[in-house]
Amino acid sequence: MSWLWAIIVGFVLGLIAKAIIPGKQHIPLWLATICGIGGAVIGNWLAVLFGIDETKGIDWGRHVLQIAAAVLIVYLGEKAYTAVKGNKRQRA
């Protein structure tokens, strides 16, 4: 069941990251979800490093780190995706 939660959290983080990044992104939803999953994993890892992975109540620090990591990864994924696919669209 944890893989299902990873996909759900990755999907939500990918959408939040796309909403935070200014401008229009051409990254497909499946790639944004994968980037969101990566952001969740990196954000959790950073939270453990900073010692804020488990707190009483809502783990705001961990969630902020997850969103920040997802924004960075979606941004980089968007740049890579448009570098590969964008040039083909412009030539046609």
Protein backbone atom coordinates (compact mmCIF):
# COMPACT_ATOMS: atom_id res chain seq x y z
CA MET A 1 0.00 0.00 0.00
CA SER A 2 2.96 2.37 0.49
CA TRP A 3 3.60 2.49 -3.28
CA LEU A 4 0.06 3.80 -3.76
CA TRP A 5 0.67 6.58 -1.24
CA ALA A 6 3.96 7.40 -2.96
CA ILE A 7 2.12 7.85 -6.26
CA ILE A 8 -0.63 9.95 -4.66
CA VAL A 9 1.83 12.18 -2.78
CA GLY A 10 4.02 12.47 -5.89
CA PHE A 11 1.01 13.47 -7.97
CA VAL A 12 -0.03 16.15 -5.49
CA LEU A 13 3.51 17.46 -5.04
CA GLY A 14 4.01 17.53 -8.81
CA LEU A 15 0.84 19.58 -9.26
CA ILE A 16 1.79 21.97 -6.44
CA ALA A 17 5.26 22.38 -7.93
CA LYS A 18 3.80 23.12 -11.38
CA ALA A 19 1.53 25.73 -9.80
CA ILE A 20 4.43 27.41 -7.97
CA ILE A 21 6.76 27.60 -10.97
CA PRO A 22 5.93 30.74 -12.99
CA GLY A 23 4.97 30.42 -16.62
CA LYS A 24 3.55 27.53 -18.58
CA GLN A 25 5.16 24.14 -18.22
CA HIS A 26 5.04 21.57 -20.99
CA ILE A 27 6.02 18.67 -18.74
CA PRO A 28 3.47 15.82 -18.95
CA LEU A 29 1.52 14.82 -15.88
CA TRP A 30 3.21 11.43 -15.56
CA LEU A 31 6.64 13.09 -15.48
CA ALA A 32 5.46 15.69 -12.96
CA THR A 33 4.26 12.81 -10.76
CA ILE A 34 7.63 11.07 -10.97
CA CYS A 35 9.38 14.35 -10.14
CA GLY A 36 6.97 14.82 -7.22
CA ILE A 37 7.83 11.36 -5.90
CA GLY A 38 11.50 12.29 -6.15
CA GLY A 39 10.80 15.53 -4.30
CA ALA A 40 9.04 13.65 -1.52
CA VAL A 41 11.95 11.24 -1.13
CA ILE A 42 14.56 14.01 -1.12
CA GLY A 43 12.44 16.16 1.22
CA ASN A 44 12.10 13.28 3.67
CA TRP A 45 15.84 12.63 3.50
CA LEU A 46 16.58 16.30 4.22
CA ALA A 47 14.10 16.28 7.11
CA VAL A 48 15.94 13.33 8.66
CA LEU A 49 19.24 15.14 8.15
CA PHE A 50 17.89 18.25 9.91
CA GLY A 51 16.23 16.20 12.66
CA ILE A 52 12.70 17.36 11.88
CA ASP A 53 11.33 14.17 10.36
CA GLU A 54 9.08 13.29 13.30
CA THR A 55 7.45 15.98 15.40
CA LYS A 56 4.27 16.21 17.43
CA GLY A 57 1.38 17.17 15.19
CA ILE A 58 1.85 18.10 11.57
CA ASP A 59 5.40 17.92 10.23
CA TRP A 60 5.43 21.35 8.58
CA GLY A 61 9.19 21.40 8.15
CA ARG A 62 9.19 18.08 6.34
CA HIS A 63 6.35 19.20 4.07
CA VAL A 64 8.10 22.46 3.20
CA LEU A 65 11.26 20.53 2.33
CA GLN A 66 9.25 18.11 0.18
CA ILE A 67 7.59 20.94 -1.73
CA ALA A 68 10.88 22.79 -2.20
CA ALA A 69 12.57 19.64 -3.49
CA ALA A 70 9.61 18.90 -5.79
CA VAL A 71 9.70 22.44 -7.20
CA LEU A 72 13.40 22.11 -7.95
CA ILE A 73 13.04 18.67 -9.53
CA VAL A 74 9.98 19.64 -11.60
CA TYR A 75 11.79 22.78 -12.77
CA LEU A 76 14.84 20.76 -13.81
CA GLY A 77 12.61 18.09 -15.36
CA GLU A 78 10.76 20.77 -17.33
CA LYS A 79 14.04 22.18 -18.66
CA ALA A 80 15.27 18.72 -19.63
CA TYR A 81 11.92 17.77 -21.21
CA THR A 82 11.70 20.93 -23.30
CA ALA A 83 15.34 20.58 -24.32
CA VAL A 84 14.62 17.11 -25.67
CA LYS A 85 11.05 17.48 -26.96
CA GLY A 86 10.77 21.24 -27.42
CA ASN A 87 13.27 21.49 -30.24
CA LYS A 88 11.41 18.86 -32.26
CA ARG A 89 8.13 20.82 -31.94
CA GLN A 90 9.72 24.09 -33.06
CA ARG A 91 11.31 22.57 -36.18
CA ALA A 92 8.11 20.95 -37.44
